[in-house]
């Protein structure tokens, strides 16, 4: 990808230093996964929640969405959260469960 690590992503933002360039926090595009998302969360201009696997109640096992949303709330994140489903489970069963899970977290 364009930014292979969170360090590279943050370095580009800092070097450009313009409010016109923001951080798209795409939870599925950091090779290091959750540790990178943790580092980038405070700089998010937009959040893209990706689901690769869907657990029994709709959770994504590789991403701590409750903690991420708590961090975003504490940081005053005012923006949208988009949803992307790329799991192997058929969309008819997995997508509604994953979306309902994320919705519950956002409403809670």
N, C-alpha and C. Protein backbone atom coordinates (compact mmCIF):
# COMPACT_ATOMS: atom_id res chain seq x y z
N UNK A 1 0.82 -1.19 0.00
CA UNK A 1 0.00 0.00 0.00
C UNK A 1 0.86 1.26 0.00
N UNK A 2 0.20 2.36 -0.04
CA UNK A 2 0.84 3.67 -0.04
C UNK A 2 1.64 3.89 1.23
N UNK A 3 1.09 3.46 2.33
CA UNK A 3 1.79 3.61 3.61
C UNK A 3 1.91 2.24 4.26
N UNK A 4 3.06 1.62 4.15
CA UNK A 4 3.22 0.25 4.63
C UNK A 4 3.23 0.11 6.16
N UNK A 5 3.36 1.20 6.88
CA UNK A 5 3.36 1.12 8.34
C UNK A 5 2.75 2.39 8.90
N UNK A 6 2.32 2.30 10.15
CA UNK A 6 1.76 3.48 10.79
C UNK A 6 2.83 4.57 10.94
N UNK A 7 4.06 4.17 11.18
CA UNK A 7 5.14 5.15 11.31
C UNK A 7 5.29 5.95 10.02
N UNK A 8 5.24 5.26 8.89
CA UNK A 8 5.36 5.93 7.60
C UNK A 8 4.15 6.85 7.35
N UNK A 9 2.99 6.37 7.70
CA UNK A 9 1.76 7.14 7.53
C UNK A 9 1.85 8.45 8.34
N UNK A 10 2.22 8.33 9.59
CA UNK A 10 2.31 9.52 10.46
C UNK A 10 3.45 10.45 10.00
N UNK A 11 4.55 9.88 9.52
CA UNK A 11 5.66 10.69 9.03
C UNK A 11 5.22 11.55 7.85
N UNK A 12 4.48 10.97 6.93
CA UNK A 12 3.99 11.73 5.78
C UNK A 12 3.09 12.86 6.24
N UNK A 13 2.18 12.58 7.15
CA UNK A 13 1.29 13.64 7.66
C UNK A 13 2.10 14.77 8.28
N UNK A 14 3.10 14.40 9.09
CA UNK A 14 3.91 15.42 9.77
C UNK A 14 4.75 16.22 8.77
N UNK A 15 5.31 15.55 7.78
CA UNK A 15 6.15 16.25 6.80
C UNK A 15 5.33 17.19 5.93
N UNK A 16 4.15 16.77 5.53
CA UNK A 16 3.29 17.65 4.73
C UNK A 16 2.79 18.79 5.59
N UNK A 17 2.36 18.48 6.80
CA UNK A 17 1.98 19.52 7.75
C UNK A 17 0.82 20.41 7.33
N UNK A 18 -0.10 19.89 6.56
CA UNK A 18 -1.23 20.68 6.09
C UNK A 18 -2.54 20.12 6.64
N UNK A 19 -3.44 20.99 7.07
CA UNK A 19 -4.75 20.51 7.53
C UNK A 19 -5.58 19.91 6.39
N UNK A 20 -5.15 20.12 5.16
CA UNK A 20 -5.86 19.55 4.01
C UNK A 20 -5.58 18.05 3.85
N UNK A 21 -4.55 17.54 4.51
CA UNK A 21 -4.22 16.13 4.44
C UNK A 21 -4.54 15.49 5.78
N UNK A 22 -5.43 14.51 5.76
CA UNK A 22 -5.82 13.85 7.00
C UNK A 22 -5.54 12.37 6.94
N UNK A 23 -5.70 11.73 8.07
CA UNK A 23 -5.43 10.31 8.20
C UNK A 23 -6.73 9.52 8.05
N UNK A 24 -6.77 8.64 7.05
CA UNK A 24 -7.86 7.69 6.91
C UNK A 24 -7.46 6.46 7.72
N UNK A 25 -8.14 6.27 8.81
CA UNK A 25 -7.86 5.12 9.67
C UNK A 25 -8.65 3.93 9.13
N UNK A 26 -8.02 3.18 8.24
CA UNK A 26 -8.63 2.00 7.64
C UNK A 26 -8.13 0.80 8.44
N UNK A 27 -8.99 0.22 9.24
CA UNK A 27 -8.56 -0.82 10.17
C UNK A 27 -8.06 -2.09 9.50
N UNK A 28 -8.31 -2.24 8.22
CA UNK A 28 -7.85 -3.44 7.53
C UNK A 28 -6.60 -3.26 6.72
N UNK A 29 -5.99 -2.08 6.74
CA UNK A 29 -4.86 -1.85 5.84
C UNK A 29 -3.51 -1.65 6.51
N UNK A 30 -3.42 -1.83 7.80
CA UNK A 30 -2.11 -1.78 8.43
C UNK A 30 -1.62 -3.21 8.63
N UNK A 31 -0.47 -3.57 8.05
CA UNK A 31 0.02 -4.95 8.20
C UNK A 31 0.17 -5.38 9.66
N UNK A 32 0.49 -4.46 10.55
CA UNK A 32 0.67 -4.83 11.96
C UNK A 32 -0.66 -4.91 12.71
N UNK A 33 -1.77 -4.57 12.07
CA UNK A 33 -3.09 -4.72 12.70
C UNK A 33 -3.33 -3.77 13.85
N UNK A 34 -3.88 -4.32 14.93
CA UNK A 34 -4.34 -3.53 16.06
C UNK A 34 -3.29 -2.57 16.63
N UNK A 35 -2.03 -2.97 16.82
CA UNK A 35 -1.06 -2.01 17.37
C UNK A 35 -0.94 -0.73 16.53
N UNK A 36 -1.02 -0.87 15.21
CA UNK A 36 -0.94 0.31 14.34
C UNK A 36 -2.20 1.16 14.46
N UNK A 37 -3.35 0.51 14.54
CA UNK A 37 -4.61 1.24 14.69
C UNK A 37 -4.57 2.05 15.99
N UNK A 38 -4.06 1.46 17.06
CA UNK A 38 -3.93 2.17 18.33
C UNK A 38 -3.10 3.45 18.16
N UNK A 39 -1.99 3.35 17.44
CA UNK A 39 -1.11 4.50 17.26
C UNK A 39 -1.75 5.58 16.40
N UNK A 40 -2.53 5.19 15.42
CA UNK A 40 -3.10 6.15 14.47
C UNK A 40 -4.41 6.78 14.94
N UNK A 41 -5.09 6.17 15.87
CA UNK A 41 -6.45 6.58 16.24
C UNK A 41 -6.58 8.07 16.60
N UNK A 42 -5.62 8.60 17.30
CA UNK A 42 -5.73 10.00 17.74
C UNK A 42 -5.62 10.99 16.58
N UNK A 43 -5.14 10.54 15.44
CA UNK A 43 -4.96 11.43 14.28
C UNK A 43 -6.03 11.22 13.21
N UNK A 44 -7.01 10.39 13.47
CA UNK A 44 -8.00 10.01 12.45
C UNK A 44 -8.84 11.19 11.99
N UNK A 45 -8.91 11.34 10.67
CA UNK A 45 -9.83 12.30 10.06
C UNK A 45 -11.07 11.57 9.55
N UNK A 46 -10.93 10.27 9.32
CA UNK A 46 -12.04 9.41 8.92
C UNK A 46 -11.69 7.99 9.34
N UNK A 47 -12.71 7.20 9.67
CA UNK A 47 -12.49 5.83 10.12
C UNK A 47 -13.25 4.87 9.21
N UNK A 48 -12.53 3.82 8.79
CA UNK A 48 -13.08 2.81 7.91
C UNK A 48 -12.96 1.47 8.63
N UNK A 49 -14.08 0.94 9.11
CA UNK A 49 -14.10 -0.32 9.87
C UNK A 49 -14.24 -1.51 8.93
N UNK A 50 -13.22 -2.33 8.89
CA UNK A 50 -13.22 -3.48 7.99
C UNK A 50 -13.43 -4.76 8.79
N UNK A 51 -14.23 -5.65 8.22
CA UNK A 51 -14.48 -6.96 8.82
C UNK A 51 -14.00 -8.04 7.86
N UNK A 52 -12.95 -8.77 8.31
CA UNK A 52 -12.38 -9.87 7.53
C UNK A 52 -12.95 -11.21 7.98
N UNK A 53 -13.25 -11.30 9.24
CA UNK A 53 -13.83 -12.49 9.87
C UNK A 53 -14.97 -11.99 10.74
N UNK A 54 -15.96 -12.81 10.95
CA UNK A 54 -17.07 -12.39 11.79
C UNK A 54 -17.30 -13.47 12.84
N UNK A 55 -17.17 -13.05 14.11
CA UNK A 55 -17.40 -13.98 15.20
C UNK A 55 -18.89 -14.21 15.44
N UNK A 56 -19.19 -15.02 16.44
CA UNK A 56 -20.58 -15.40 16.70
C UNK A 56 -21.54 -14.23 16.95
N UNK A 57 -21.06 -13.17 17.59
CA UNK A 57 -21.94 -12.03 17.86
C UNK A 57 -21.66 -10.86 16.91
N UNK A 58 -20.84 -11.11 15.88
CA UNK A 58 -20.56 -10.09 14.89
C UNK A 58 -19.23 -9.41 15.03
N UNK A 59 -18.48 -9.75 16.06
CA UNK A 59 -17.19 -9.11 16.30
C UNK A 59 -16.17 -9.51 15.25
N UNK A 60 -15.18 -8.65 15.07
CA UNK A 60 -14.03 -8.93 14.21
C UNK A 60 -12.89 -9.33 15.13
N UNK A 61 -12.49 -10.61 15.12
CA UNK A 61 -11.50 -11.09 16.09
C UNK A 61 -10.15 -10.37 16.06
N UNK A 62 -9.77 -9.77 14.94
CA UNK A 62 -8.46 -9.14 14.85
C UNK A 62 -8.48 -7.68 15.26
N UNK A 63 -9.63 -7.13 15.58
CA UNK A 63 -9.74 -5.70 15.86
C UNK A 63 -10.56 -5.47 17.12
N UNK A 64 -10.04 -4.70 18.04
CA UNK A 64 -10.76 -4.38 19.28
C UNK A 64 -11.63 -3.15 19.04
N UNK A 65 -12.75 -3.36 18.36
CA UNK A 65 -13.62 -2.22 18.04
C UNK A 65 -14.18 -1.52 19.28
N UNK A 66 -14.53 -2.22 20.36
CA UNK A 66 -14.97 -1.47 21.55
C UNK A 66 -13.90 -0.49 22.04
N UNK A 67 -12.66 -0.94 22.09
CA UNK A 67 -11.57 -0.05 22.54
C UNK A 67 -11.32 1.07 21.54
N UNK A 68 -11.34 0.76 20.25
CA UNK A 68 -11.12 1.80 19.24
C UNK A 68 -12.19 2.88 19.35
N UNK A 69 -13.44 2.49 19.47
CA UNK A 69 -14.51 3.48 19.57
C UNK A 69 -14.39 4.28 20.86
N UNK A 70 -13.98 3.65 21.94
CA UNK A 70 -13.76 4.38 23.20
C UNK A 70 -12.65 5.41 23.02
N UNK A 71 -11.57 5.04 22.36
CA UNK A 71 -10.47 5.99 22.11
C UNK A 71 -10.93 7.16 21.25
N UNK A 72 -11.69 6.84 20.21
CA UNK A 72 -12.19 7.90 19.33
C UNK A 72 -13.11 8.85 20.09
N UNK A 73 -13.96 8.30 20.93
CA UNK A 73 -14.86 9.16 21.73
C UNK A 73 -14.06 10.04 22.69
N UNK A 74 -13.09 9.43 23.37
CA UNK A 74 -12.27 10.21 24.31
C UNK A 74 -11.51 11.32 23.59
N UNK A 75 -11.10 11.05 22.37
CA UNK A 75 -10.35 12.03 21.59
C UNK A 75 -11.23 13.06 20.90
N UNK A 76 -12.55 12.92 21.02
CA UNK A 76 -13.45 13.90 20.42
C UNK A 76 -13.65 13.71 18.93
N UNK A 77 -13.44 12.50 18.42
CA UNK A 77 -13.60 12.24 16.99
C UNK A 77 -15.04 12.56 16.58
N UNK A 78 -15.23 13.51 15.66
CA UNK A 78 -16.59 13.93 15.29
C UNK A 78 -17.11 13.31 13.99
N UNK A 79 -16.30 12.48 13.36
CA UNK A 79 -16.62 12.05 11.99
C UNK A 79 -17.42 10.78 11.87
N UNK A 80 -17.49 10.35 10.63
CA UNK A 80 -18.22 9.15 10.25
C UNK A 80 -17.34 7.92 10.42
N UNK A 81 -18.00 6.77 10.50
CA UNK A 81 -17.33 5.48 10.45
C UNK A 81 -17.99 4.69 9.34
N UNK A 82 -17.20 4.36 8.33
CA UNK A 82 -17.73 3.56 7.23
C UNK A 82 -17.47 2.09 7.52
N UNK A 83 -18.20 1.24 6.84
CA UNK A 83 -18.20 -0.20 7.10
C UNK A 83 -17.84 -0.94 5.82
N UNK A 84 -16.92 -1.91 5.93
CA UNK A 84 -16.56 -2.73 4.78
C UNK A 84 -16.53 -4.19 5.20
N UNK A 85 -17.15 -5.02 4.40
CA UNK A 85 -17.23 -6.45 4.69
C UNK A 85 -16.47 -7.22 3.62
N UNK A 86 -15.42 -7.94 4.03
CA UNK A 86 -14.64 -8.76 3.11
C UNK A 86 -14.39 -10.15 3.68
N UNK A 87 -15.32 -10.63 4.48
CA UNK A 87 -15.17 -11.95 5.10
C UNK A 87 -15.51 -13.06 4.12
N UNK A 88 -14.99 -14.25 4.40
CA UNK A 88 -15.28 -15.42 3.57
C UNK A 88 -16.72 -15.89 3.78
N UNK A 89 -17.27 -15.64 4.95
CA UNK A 89 -18.65 -16.04 5.22
C UNK A 89 -19.58 -15.30 4.25
N UNK A 90 -20.58 -15.99 3.72
CA UNK A 90 -21.49 -15.33 2.79
C UNK A 90 -22.12 -14.06 3.37
N UNK A 91 -22.25 -13.07 2.52
CA UNK A 91 -22.80 -11.77 2.95
C UNK A 91 -24.18 -11.90 3.58
N UNK A 92 -24.98 -12.83 3.12
CA UNK A 92 -26.35 -12.98 3.63
C UNK A 92 -26.37 -13.27 5.13
N UNK A 93 -25.34 -13.93 5.65
CA UNK A 93 -25.33 -14.26 7.08
C UNK A 93 -24.34 -13.40 7.86
N UNK A 94 -23.15 -13.22 7.33
CA UNK A 94 -22.11 -12.51 8.07
C UNK A 94 -22.27 -11.01 8.12
N UNK A 95 -22.63 -10.42 7.00
CA UNK A 95 -22.73 -8.96 6.93
C UNK A 95 -23.75 -8.40 7.91
N UNK A 96 -24.99 -8.92 7.98
CA UNK A 96 -25.94 -8.36 8.94
C UNK A 96 -25.46 -8.48 10.38
N UNK A 97 -24.81 -9.60 10.71
CA UNK A 97 -24.32 -9.81 12.08
C UNK A 97 -23.20 -8.82 12.40
N UNK A 98 -22.26 -8.62 11.47
CA UNK A 98 -21.15 -7.69 11.70
C UNK A 98 -21.65 -6.25 11.78
N UNK A 99 -22.56 -5.89 10.89
CA UNK A 99 -23.09 -4.52 10.89
C UNK A 99 -23.87 -4.25 12.18
N UNK A 100 -24.68 -5.22 12.62
CA UNK A 100 -25.45 -5.04 13.86
C UNK A 100 -24.51 -4.89 15.05
N UNK A 101 -23.42 -5.64 15.06
CA UNK A 101 -22.44 -5.54 16.13
C UNK A 101 -21.84 -4.13 16.19
N UNK A 102 -21.39 -3.64 15.05
CA UNK A 102 -20.80 -2.30 15.02
C UNK A 102 -21.85 -1.26 15.42
N UNK A 103 -23.06 -1.42 14.96
CA UNK A 103 -24.13 -0.49 15.30
C UNK A 103 -24.38 -0.45 16.81
N UNK A 104 -24.40 -1.64 17.44
CA UNK A 104 -24.59 -1.70 18.91
C UNK A 104 -23.48 -0.95 19.62
N UNK A 105 -22.25 -1.12 19.14
CA UNK A 105 -21.13 -0.42 19.77
C UNK A 105 -21.28 1.09 19.63
N UNK A 106 -21.71 1.53 18.47
CA UNK A 106 -21.86 2.97 18.22
C UNK A 106 -23.01 3.56 19.02
N UNK A 107 -24.07 2.80 19.20
CA UNK A 107 -25.23 3.29 19.95
C UNK A 107 -25.00 3.26 21.45
N UNK A 108 -24.05 2.43 21.89
CA UNK A 108 -23.83 2.25 23.33
C UNK A 108 -22.94 3.21 23.92
